[in-house]
Amino acid sequence: MGTIWPPDLESITGPKYLALIQALREAIAAGELTPGHRLPPVRNLAWDLKITPGTVARAYRRATDDGLLDAAVGRGTFIAETRNNTQAIQRDSLHLGSSNSKYDLRGTKTPDFGQDAMIREALANIIQTGIHDFADYPDPDHSKPALQAIADWLKYTDMQPDPENIALTYGAQNAMLIALQTILAGPAPVIVTDELVYPGLRHAANMLRAEIVSVERDTEGMIPDALEQTCRRHGPQVLVSSFTIHSPTTQTTTLERRIALARVATKYELQIIDDDAFGIFSSDTPSMQTIAPERLWYIGALSKSVSTGLRIGYLITPTGHGPAARTTVLSNCYGVSQIICDLTTHLIRSGKAEAIRQRMLAFNAHRSRIAANILGQWNINWNPNVPFIWLQMPSGWRASSFQRACEQQNVLVRPADEFALIDGKAPNAARVTFGSKLSDSEFEAALYAIAKVLETRPAMNEL
């Protein structure tokens, strides 16, 4: 095929290499460039576009990583014929410049690491070798392999749970509801939690008609003295927090603070729920489960480490409370379906779940570096193991007006007030996730758009 391809970059703003990638996508979508089409050599195209060869080489390299191009040593660079190219074009509605486009940096779904094929293969294996009756209600005895698999899965933590103290649930949100239903008692139970909290906890509390009260936190975690004052004033039954990774701030509760909080919980007979949905990595800090095992309810899931669509969560209870938690599950849904239990067991025992977890950690680390490089001049908190950053607003911006300004640039972010309790106070900040369904170049384009917004002081009527 010919090598003449003169893209027009005049109408596209932002870094030139991203503009070139966007021009590639548009040309492929319009049929101007077809699979197998050979692109101009780097130096030739750089000369034609009046940009540096390094810029063109970077665009080619990133477009190859995104699946748009194939590079053959000694032969040149071609429009890819793989399914990745098709998927990249199908995402074209996410690009800046389209009136309906959106770069979604709100959610935290797992990227596509080939989970679909793995799950299909696992299901085929289960159908061929399984001995269970999928037409019947779940049998608690048949879920025991899955309970053991979850116990084995948590070997990357410092916990060694007894399967008897584990209850399987339909995801972490369901595990939170099961834990609260099992713990709370009386006509007006009270839950204490952080000032900023995952919205799912608010929904669970509303369903159970429980009052939810916030406790102040600082950079080390929830403040023990503030927790004690809240206990004296409100008489709560349960404390809910995320000690390994707090969403949305990325903070980790220090060891000293965990010990102090456990002492307050013991003094006021509080049960503790550790919502560890994002704690998919090994930590040097002892877990709350090892610090206060007699009152710690640990929530986890495979949603953030293996597959968002694999709705399997787990609740690890204090010793002796496992049967009560499993009874609560049975009262809600007759138990997690056998096919989900078998699928979870297969993915963990085959090593596929662990392989995906490692890829997820690599993805988080890679995207963290990109975010830090582009937005690092502003006040951001980030952790290389976590799929989001916490962006504190510069002078002149409010989180709500920043959100609107970003949306005008087709970028979706989540302001702090979406994590605040009703009538609670929210800092002037926003959570920016890593756009798991976006390619690296799309993610970079979204971050550059955010940077452009931050560099522009808003008009007074926007505040």
Protein backbone atom coordinates (compact mmCIF):
# COMPACT_ATOMS: atom_id res chain seq x y z
CA MET A 1 0.00 0.00 0.00
CA GLY A 2 1.09 3.62 -0.48
CA THR A 3 2.81 5.66 2.18
CA ILE A 4 1.30 9.10 1.48
CA TRP A 5 -0.74 10.18 4.47
CA PRO A 6 -0.91 13.90 5.26
CA PRO A 7 -3.01 14.34 8.42
CA ASP A 8 -4.29 17.80 9.29
CA LEU A 9 -3.37 18.62 12.88
CA GLU A 10 -4.38 22.27 12.81
CA SER A 11 -7.80 21.74 14.39
CA ILE A 12 -6.53 19.52 17.22
CA THR A 13 -5.17 20.99 20.44
CA GLY A 14 -2.88 19.45 23.02
CA PRO A 15 0.44 17.59 22.73
CA LYS A 16 1.39 16.89 19.11
CA TYR A 17 1.91 13.17 19.60
CA LEU A 18 -1.62 12.81 21.00
CA ALA A 19 -2.96 14.95 18.15
CA LEU A 20 -1.27 12.59 15.68
CA ILE A 21 -2.80 9.54 17.38
CA GLN A 22 -6.22 11.14 17.27
CA ALA A 23 -5.74 11.91 13.56
CA LEU A 24 -4.86 8.25 13.03
CA ARG A 25 -8.04 7.12 14.76
CA GLU A 26 -10.19 9.51 12.74
CA ALA A 27 -8.61 8.43 9.46
CA ILE A 28 -9.17 4.75 10.29
CA ALA A 29 -12.75 5.39 11.36
CA ALA A 30 -13.39 7.28 8.09
CA GLY A 31 -11.88 4.49 6.00
CA GLU A 32 -9.02 6.68 4.77
CA LEU A 33 -6.56 4.27 6.37
CA THR A 34 -7.39 0.57 6.18
CA PRO A 35 -5.83 -2.54 7.78
CA GLY A 36 -2.48 -3.26 6.19
CA HIS A 37 -1.92 0.33 5.01
CA ARG A 38 1.73 1.28 5.40
CA LEU A 39 2.38 4.60 7.13
CA PRO A 40 5.14 7.03 6.17
CA PRO A 41 8.54 6.59 7.81
CA VAL A 42 9.04 8.61 10.96
CA ARG A 43 11.38 11.19 9.47
CA ASN A 44 9.28 11.71 6.35
CA LEU A 45 6.09 12.32 8.32
CA ALA A 46 7.92 14.58 10.78
CA TRP A 47 9.17 16.68 7.88
CA ASP A 48 5.70 16.92 6.32
CA LEU A 49 4.05 17.93 9.61
CA LYS A 50 6.87 20.24 10.75
CA ILE A 51 7.29 18.37 14.03
CA THR A 52 10.21 16.45 15.51
CA PRO A 53 10.93 12.80 14.59
CA GLY A 54 10.79 12.01 18.30
CA THR A 55 7.18 13.21 18.43
CA VAL A 56 6.19 11.00 15.51
CA ALA A 57 8.08 8.03 16.96
CA ARG A 58 6.31 8.48 20.29
CA ALA A 59 2.91 8.61 18.56
CA TYR A 60 3.68 5.48 16.53
CA ARG A 61 4.91 3.65 19.61
CA ARG A 62 1.87 4.59 21.71
CA ALA A 63 -0.55 3.79 18.87
CA THR A 64 1.13 0.38 18.54
CA ASP A 65 0.67 -0.22 22.27
CA ASP A 66 -3.00 0.79 21.89
CA GLY A 67 -3.50 -1.77 19.12
CA LEU A 68 -3.95 0.74 16.30
CA LEU A 69 -0.67 -0.06 14.53
CA ASP A 70 1.65 -2.97 13.86
CA ALA A 71 5.39 -2.33 13.61
CA ALA A 72 7.61 -4.74 11.68
CA VAL A 73 11.38 -4.26 11.97
CA GLY A 74 12.83 -3.57 8.53
CA ARG A 75 9.41 -3.33 6.88
CA GLY A 76 7.73 -0.31 8.44
CA THR A 77 4.60 0.61 10.39
CA PHE A 78 1.15 -0.55 9.28
CA ILE A 79 -2.47 -0.12 10.28
CA ALA A 80 -3.18 -3.13 12.50
CA GLU A 81 -5.48 -5.93 11.40
CA THR A 82 -6.04 -7.27 14.93
CA ARG A 83 -9.22 -7.10 16.97
CA ASN A 84 -7.48 -4.53 19.17
CA ASN A 85 -7.67 -2.08 16.29
CA THR A 86 -11.41 -2.64 15.98
CA GLN A 87 -11.87 -2.14 19.70
CA ALA A 88 -9.85 1.07 19.56
CA ILE A 89 -12.08 2.47 16.82
CA GLN A 90 -15.22 1.42 18.65
CA ARG A 91 -14.04 3.61 21.53
CA ASP A 92 -13.82 6.61 19.22
CA SER A 93 -16.84 8.19 20.91
CA LEU A 94 -14.58 8.76 23.94
CA HIS A 95 -12.28 11.16 22.11
CA LEU A 96 -12.06 14.86 22.82
CA GLY A 97 -13.56 16.91 20.05
CA SER A 98 -16.72 14.85 19.65
CA SER A 99 -19.77 16.58 21.07
CA ASN A 100 -20.94 13.32 22.68
CA SER A 101 -17.54 12.07 23.81
CA LYS A 102 -16.69 11.33 27.41
CA TYR A 103 -13.43 10.32 29.05
CA ASP A 104 -14.78 8.50 32.09
CA LEU A 105 -12.40 9.02 35.01
CA ARG A 106 -15.09 8.39 37.62
CA GLY A 107 -15.32 4.59 37.87
CA THR A 108 -12.77 1.94 38.89
CA LYS A 109 -13.54 -1.02 36.67
CA THR A 110 -10.84 -3.59 35.96
CA PRO A 111 -9.11 -3.26 32.58
CA ASP A 112 -9.45 -5.97 29.93
CA PHE A 113 -6.64 -8.43 30.61
CA GLY A 114 -8.34 -11.27 28.75
CA GLN A 115 -10.66 -12.14 31.63
CA ASP A 116 -13.52 -12.91 29.27
CA ALA A 117 -11.60 -15.74 27.58
CA MET A 118 -10.35 -17.02 30.94
CA ILE A 119 -13.83 -17.11 32.42
CA ARG A 120 -15.28 -18.82 29.33
CA GLU A 121 -12.54 -21.46 29.52
CA ALA A 122 -13.14 -21.93 33.25
CA LEU A 123 -16.89 -22.32 32.71
CA ALA A 124 -16.30 -24.93 30.02
CA ASN A 125 -14.03 -26.84 32.39
CA ILE A 126 -16.62 -26.67 35.18
CA ILE A 127 -19.38 -27.96 32.90
CA GLN A 128 -17.24 -30.87 31.76
CA THR A 129 -15.87 -31.90 35.14
CA GLY A 130 -18.41 -30.56 37.68
CA ILE A 131 -20.60 -32.91 39.67
CA HIS A 132 -23.01 -30.37 41.13
CA ASP A 133 -26.65 -29.92 40.30
CA PHE A 134 -26.93 -26.36 39.02
CA ALA A 135 -30.71 -26.65 38.82
CA ASP A 136 -31.01 -26.83 42.62
CA TYR A 137 -30.55 -24.24 45.35
CA PRO A 138 -26.93 -23.65 46.44
CA ASP A 139 -25.71 -26.34 48.81
CA PRO A 140 -23.64 -24.89 51.69
CA ASP A 141 -21.49 -28.01 51.75
CA HIS A 142 -20.61 -27.57 48.09
CA SER A 143 -19.36 -24.03 48.72
CA LYS A 144 -16.58 -25.25 51.02
CA PRO A 145 -13.97 -25.46 48.22
CA ALA A 146 -14.68 -21.82 47.39
CA LEU A 147 -14.29 -20.83 51.05
CA GLN A 148 -10.92 -22.57 51.15
CA ALA A 149 -9.95 -20.95 47.85
CA ILE A 150 -10.68 -17.50 49.26
CA ALA A 151 -8.61 -18.29 52.35
CA ASP A 152 -5.74 -19.32 50.04
CA TRP A 153 -6.27 -16.27 47.84
CA LEU A 154 -5.52 -13.94 50.77
CA LYS A 155 -2.00 -15.29 51.16
CA TYR A 156 -0.65 -11.95 49.84
CA THR A 157 -1.95 -10.39 53.08
CA ASP A 158 -0.90 -11.10 56.66
CA MET A 159 -4.23 -12.82 57.30
CA GLN A 160 -4.70 -16.57 57.48
CA PRO A 161 -8.46 -16.88 57.88
CA ASP A 162 -10.17 -20.10 58.84
CA PRO A 163 -12.73 -20.97 56.11
CA GLU A 164 -15.26 -21.44 58.91
CA ASN A 165 -15.07 -17.70 59.53
CA ILE A 166 -15.74 -16.71 55.89
CA ALA A 167 -19.06 -15.91 54.24
CA LEU A 168 -19.32 -15.64 50.45
CA THR A 169 -21.32 -12.73 49.05
CA TYR A 170 -22.28 -11.15 45.74
CA GLY A 171 -19.53 -8.53 45.77
CA ALA A 172 -18.16 -6.13 48.39
CA GLN A 173 -21.32 -4.02 48.59
CA ASN A 174 -23.35 -7.12 49.42
CA ALA A 175 -20.70 -8.09 51.99
CA MET A 176 -21.11 -4.70 53.66
CA LEU A 177 -24.87 -5.19 53.89
CA ILE A 178 -24.44 -8.73 55.26
CA ALA A 179 -21.96 -7.52 57.89
CA LEU A 180 -24.22 -4.71 59.06
CA GLN A 181 -27.28 -6.96 59.15
CA THR A 182 -25.36 -9.48 61.26
CA ILE A 183 -23.90 -6.92 63.66
CA LEU A 184 -26.56 -4.25 64.18
CA ALA A 185 -29.34 -4.67 66.73
CA GLY A 186 -32.09 -2.57 68.22
CA PRO A 187 -34.55 -0.06 66.72
CA ALA A 188 -32.08 2.80 66.11
CA PRO A 189 -28.55 1.48 65.50
CA VAL A 190 -25.68 3.89 64.88
CA ILE A 191 -22.73 3.48 62.51
CA VAL A 192 -19.61 5.65 62.73
CA THR A 193 -17.39 6.16 59.72
CA ASP A 194 -15.05 8.62 58.00
CA GLU A 195 -16.09 12.08 56.84
CA LEU A 196 -15.62 10.86 53.27
CA VAL A 197 -16.92 7.39 52.52
CA TYR A 198 -17.86 5.14 49.62
CA PRO A 199 -21.51 6.00 48.78
CA GLY A 200 -22.50 2.33 49.04
CA LEU A 201 -22.21 2.54 52.83
CA ARG A 202 -24.79 5.33 52.91
CA HIS A 203 -27.18 3.19 50.87
CA ALA A 204 -26.67 0.19 53.14
CA ALA A 205 -27.31 2.30 56.24
CA ASN A 206 -30.48 3.72 54.72
CA MET A 207 -31.76 0.23 53.91
CA LEU A 208 -31.25 -0.80 57.53
CA ARG A 209 -32.66 2.47 58.92
CA ALA A 210 -29.41 3.05 60.76
CA GLU A 211 -28.03 6.47 61.64
CA ILE A 212 -24.59 7.15 60.20
CA VAL A 213 -22.25 9.60 61.94
CA SER A 214 -18.91 10.83 60.63
CA VAL A 215 -15.62 11.07 62.52
CA GLU A 216 -12.87 13.50 61.61
CA ARG A 217 -9.66 12.15 60.10
CA ASP A 218 -6.23 13.56 59.33
CA THR A 219 -3.32 12.32 57.21
CA GLU A 220 -2.76 9.34 59.56
CA GLY A 221 -6.37 8.15 59.48
CA MET A 222 -9.42 8.50 61.68
CA ILE A 223 -8.65 10.55 64.82
CA PRO A 224 -9.01 8.38 67.99
CA ASP A 225 -10.05 11.27 70.28
CA ALA A 226 -12.76 12.28 67.81
CA LEU A 227 -13.95 8.66 67.68
CA GLU A 228 -14.14 8.50 71.48
CA GLN A 229 -16.18 11.71 71.66
CA THR A 230 -18.54 10.32 69.03
CA CYS A 231 -18.92 7.08 71.00
CA ARG A 232 -19.83 9.02 74.15
CA ARG A 233 -22.35 11.17 72.30
CA HIS A 234 -24.03 8.63 69.98
CA GLY A 235 -23.40 5.13 71.38
CA PRO A 236 -22.57 3.44 68.03
CA GLN A 237 -22.39 -0.31 67.54
CA VAL A 238 -19.98 -0.46 64.62
CA LEU A 239 -17.06 1.47 63.16
CA VAL A 240 -16.58 1.32 59.38
CA SER A 241 -13.40 2.46 57.65
CA SER A 242 -10.86 1.48 55.00
CA PHE A 243 -7.51 1.12 56.72
CA THR A 244 -5.26 -0.06 53.90
CA ILE A 245 -6.46 2.36 51.22
CA HIS A 246 -9.05 5.01 51.89
CA SER A 247 -11.17 5.98 48.91
CA PRO A 248 -11.14 8.71 47.72
CA THR A 249 -8.02 10.16 49.45
CA THR A 250 -5.57 7.20 48.87
CA GLN A 251 -4.52 7.55 52.55
CA THR A 252 -3.31 4.59 54.58
CA THR A 253 -4.05 4.46 58.30
CA THR A 254 -0.76 4.26 60.19
CA LEU A 255 0.04 1.40 62.57
CA GLU A 256 0.01 3.68 65.62
CA ARG A 257 -3.39 5.04 64.61
CA ARG A 258 -4.80 1.53 64.01
CA ILE A 259 -3.72 0.43 67.48
CA ALA A 260 -5.26 3.55 69.06
CA LEU A 261 -8.54 3.09 67.18
CA ALA A 262 -8.68 -0.57 68.22
CA ARG A 263 -8.30 0.50 71.87
CA VAL A 264 -11.22 2.91 71.59
CA ALA A 265 -13.31 0.23 69.86
CA THR A 266 -12.55 -2.22 72.67
CA LYS A 267 -13.40 0.34 75.34
CA TYR A 268 -16.80 1.09 73.81
CA GLU A 269 -17.48 -2.45 72.56
CA LEU A 270 -17.51 -1.42 68.91
CA GLN A 271 -17.33 -3.96 66.13
CA ILE A 272 -14.99 -2.85 63.32
CA ILE A 273 -15.64 -3.31 59.59
CA ASP A 274 -12.59 -2.96 57.37
CA ASP A 275 -13.78 -2.25 53.82
CA ASP A 276 -10.66 -3.30 51.92
CA ALA A 277 -11.95 -3.33 48.33
CA PHE A 278 -8.83 -1.55 47.02
CA GLY A 279 -6.33 -3.37 49.25
CA ILE A 280 -5.25 -5.80 46.51
CA PHE A 281 -1.54 -5.53 47.36
CA SER A 282 0.82 -6.70 50.08
CA SER A 283 1.36 -4.21 52.89
CA ASP A 284 4.11 -3.93 55.49
CA THR A 285 1.63 -2.49 58.00
CA PRO A 286 -0.14 -5.15 60.10
CA SER A 287 -3.79 -5.43 59.18
CA MET A 288 -6.59 -4.51 61.54
CA GLN A 289 -7.51 -8.20 61.50
CA THR A 290 -4.22 -9.01 63.24
CA ILE A 291 -4.55 -6.04 65.63
CA ALA A 292 -8.16 -6.61 66.72
CA PRO A 293 -9.17 -10.11 65.54
CA GLU A 294 -11.89 -10.46 68.17
CA ARG A 295 -13.97 -7.60 66.67
CA LEU A 296 -12.77 -7.18 63.07
CA TRP A 297 -15.04 -7.90 60.07
CA TYR A 298 -13.01 -7.82 56.88
CA ILE A 299 -14.61 -7.13 53.48
CA GLY A 300 -12.96 -7.93 50.17
CA ALA A 301 -13.87 -8.95 46.63
CA LEU A 302 -12.35 -9.95 43.32
CA SER A 303 -13.94 -6.92 41.64
CA LYS A 304 -10.88 -4.64 41.85
CA SER A 305 -8.25 -7.32 41.27
CA VAL A 306 -9.69 -9.86 38.81
CA SER A 307 -12.92 -8.82 37.12
CA THR A 308 -15.57 -6.21 37.82
CA GLY A 309 -18.24 -8.51 36.42
CA LEU A 310 -17.27 -11.45 38.64
CA ARG A 311 -19.65 -10.66 41.47
CA ILE A 312 -17.92 -12.59 44.24
CA GLY A 313 -17.12 -10.98 47.56
CA TYR A 314 -16.17 -12.30 50.96
CA LEU A 315 -16.73 -11.36 54.56
CA ILE A 316 -14.20 -12.59 57.11
CA THR A 317 -15.68 -12.54 60.57
CA PRO A 318 -14.24 -12.71 64.07
CA THR A 319 -13.77 -16.28 65.25
CA GLY A 320 -17.10 -18.01 65.80
CA HIS A 321 -19.23 -15.51 63.84
CA GLY A 322 -18.93 -17.20 60.46
CA PRO A 323 -22.10 -19.32 60.83
CA ALA A 324 -24.14 -16.24 61.77
CA ALA A 325 -22.87 -14.33 58.71
CA ARG A 326 -23.60 -17.27 56.41
CA THR A 327 -27.09 -17.54 57.90
CA THR A 328 -27.62 -13.86 57.04
CA VAL A 329 -26.55 -14.61 53.47
CA LEU A 330 -29.01 -17.49 53.29
CA SER A 331 -31.78 -15.21 54.56
CA ASN A 332 -31.00 -12.73 51.79
CA CYS A 333 -30.46 -14.91 48.72
CA TYR A 334 -30.22 -18.62 49.64
CA GLY A 335 -26.47 -18.39 49.17
CA VAL A 336 -24.08 -17.56 46.34
CA SER A 337 -24.85 -19.65 43.27
CA GLN A 338 -22.89 -22.84 42.78
CA ILE A 339 -21.59 -21.80 39.37
CA ILE A 340 -20.06 -18.63 40.85
CA CYS A 341 -18.49 -20.63 43.68
CA ASP A 342 -17.01 -23.15 41.25
CA LEU A 343 -15.79 -20.39 38.93
CA THR A 344 -14.07 -18.61 41.80
CA THR A 345 -12.43 -21.83 42.96
CA HIS A 346 -11.17 -22.61 39.47
CA LEU A 347 -9.73 -19.12 38.82
CA ILE A 348 -7.88 -19.09 42.14
CA ARG A 349 -6.56 -22.66 42.09
CA SER A 350 -5.46 -22.43 38.45
CA GLY A 351 -3.37 -19.35 39.22
CA LYS A 352 -5.28 -17.21 36.72
CA ALA A 353 -6.73 -14.92 39.38
CA GLU A 354 -3.26 -14.24 40.78
CA ALA A 355 -1.88 -13.56 37.29
CA ILE A 356 -4.61 -10.97 36.68
CA ARG A 357 -4.00 -9.40 40.10
CA GLN A 358 -0.34 -8.91 39.20
CA ARG A 359 -1.32 -7.30 35.89
CA MET A 360 -3.75 -5.04 37.72
CA LEU A 361 -0.98 -3.90 40.06
CA ALA A 362 1.30 -3.24 37.06
CA PHE A 363 -1.50 -1.26 35.40
CA ASN A 364 -2.01 0.85 38.54
CA ALA A 365 1.71 1.56 38.82
CA HIS A 366 1.97 2.49 35.13
CA ARG A 367 -1.03 4.81 35.15
CA SER A 368 0.12 6.35 38.46
CA ARG A 369 3.37 7.41 36.80
CA ILE A 370 1.49 8.92 33.87
CA ALA A 371 -0.82 10.85 36.21
CA ALA A 372 2.08 12.08 38.36
CA ASN A 373 4.02 13.23 35.29
CA ILE A 374 1.11 15.22 33.85
CA LEU A 375 -0.58 16.53 37.02
CA GLY A 376 2.33 16.43 39.43
CA GLN A 377 2.71 20.21 39.59
CA TRP A 378 -0.62 20.36 41.43
CA ASN A 379 -1.42 19.04 44.88
CA ILE A 380 -2.18 15.36 44.31
CA ASN A 381 -2.12 12.29 46.56
CA TRP A 382 -1.40 8.98 44.90
CA ASN A 383 -0.33 5.43 45.65
CA PRO A 384 1.21 3.24 42.91
CA ASN A 385 -1.04 0.33 43.91
CA VAL A 386 -4.32 2.24 43.59
CA PRO A 387 -6.33 3.08 40.42
CA PHE A 388 -7.03 6.73 41.25
CA ILE A 389 -5.46 9.95 42.51
CA TRP A 390 -6.80 12.59 44.88
CA LEU A 391 -6.56 16.07 43.35
CA GLN A 392 -6.84 19.01 45.73
CA MET A 393 -8.06 22.17 44.05
CA PRO A 394 -5.68 25.07 43.44
CA SER A 395 -6.61 28.59 44.48
CA GLY A 396 -9.60 29.92 42.57
CA TRP A 397 -11.28 26.57 41.97
CA ARG A 398 -14.11 24.80 43.73
CA ALA A 399 -14.56 21.08 43.15
CA SER A 400 -18.07 21.53 41.76
CA SER A 401 -17.06 24.17 39.22
CA PHE A 402 -13.97 22.12 38.36
CA GLN A 403 -16.19 19.11 37.67
CA ARG A 404 -18.37 21.19 35.32
CA ALA A 405 -15.33 22.63 33.54
CA CYS A 406 -13.91 19.15 33.04
CA GLU A 407 -17.23 17.90 31.69
CA GLN A 408 -17.17 20.71 29.13
CA GLN A 409 -13.88 19.17 27.98
CA ASN A 410 -15.60 15.74 27.86
CA VAL A 411 -13.80 14.48 30.99
CA LEU A 412 -15.77 12.99 33.88
CA VAL A 413 -14.34 13.23 37.42
CA ARG A 414 -15.86 12.78 40.87
CA PRO A 415 -15.85 15.74 43.28
CA ALA A 416 -15.35 15.20 46.99
CA ASP A 417 -18.91 16.07 47.93
CA GLU A 418 -20.12 12.84 46.30
CA PHE A 419 -18.26 10.97 49.06
CA ALA A 420 -19.51 13.15 51.91
CA LEU A 421 -22.35 12.20 54.22
CA ILE A 422 -25.61 14.13 54.09
CA ASP A 423 -24.97 17.51 55.71
CA GLY A 424 -21.31 16.52 56.03
CA LYS A 425 -18.38 18.69 55.03
CA ALA A 426 -16.29 17.91 51.98
CA PRO A 427 -12.79 19.15 51.18
CA ASN A 428 -12.14 21.12 48.01
CA ALA A 429 -10.89 18.16 45.99
CA ALA A 430 -11.81 15.54 43.41
CA ARG A 431 -11.03 11.89 42.72
CA VAL A 432 -9.60 11.12 39.29
CA THR A 433 -9.52 7.44 38.32
CA PHE A 434 -7.34 5.78 35.69
CA GLY A 435 -9.94 5.18 32.99
CA SER A 436 -9.52 1.42 32.78
CA LYS A 437 -11.39 1.23 29.47
CA LEU A 438 -9.18 3.92 27.90
CA SER A 439 -5.91 3.39 26.08
CA ASP A 440 -2.81 5.10 27.43
CA SER A 441 -3.06 7.83 24.80
CA GLU A 442 -6.72 8.46 25.63
CA PHE A 443 -5.88 8.58 29.33
CA GLU A 444 -3.09 11.06 28.68
CA ALA A 445 -5.40 13.21 26.55
CA ALA A 446 -7.91 13.31 29.41
CA LEU A 447 -5.21 14.32 31.90
CA TYR A 448 -3.90 17.04 29.61
CA ALA A 449 -7.46 18.34 29.35
CA ILE A 450 -7.64 18.41 33.18
CA ALA A 451 -4.29 20.22 33.29
CA LYS A 452 -5.61 22.80 30.83
CA VAL A 453 -8.66 23.35 33.02
CA LEU A 454 -6.53 23.79 36.15
CA GLU A 455 -4.34 26.35 34.40
CA THR A 456 -7.39 28.50 33.63
CA ARG A 457 -8.72 30.53 36.52
CA PRO A 458 -12.53 30.22 36.51
CA ALA A 459 -14.81 33.21 36.06
CA MET A 460 -16.50 34.42 39.24
CA ASN A 461 -19.91 33.30 38.02
CA GLU A 462 -18.59 29.73 37.75
CA LEU A 463 -17.62 29.49 41.42
